[in-house]
Amino acid sequence: MKKTMQAAMMMIATSSASAFAAAGTQPEETMGMAAYLFLGFLALVIVGQLVPAIGLLVGILRGAFSKQPEEMENS
């Protein structure tokens, strides 16, 4: 029984190897127009978020490195 199971497993293992080796038999799938439109929309959202973020960063850096007037004493 043990030799029969080993032989069966060997036949299954060797017969499936040729199926894995057959590359390029299925047609290549490409992204459709809807996928490209969706990616373009995501790119616009990211750019739309980057513009104000860069402006805010520039304002923070200007404030951090500018000379601040001396504080007035409370009278």
Foldseek 3Di string as FASTA:
>chain_A
DVVVVVVVVVVVVVVCVVVVVDPPPDDDDDDDPVVVVVVVVVVVVVVVVVVVVVVVVVVVVCVVPPDDDDDDDDD
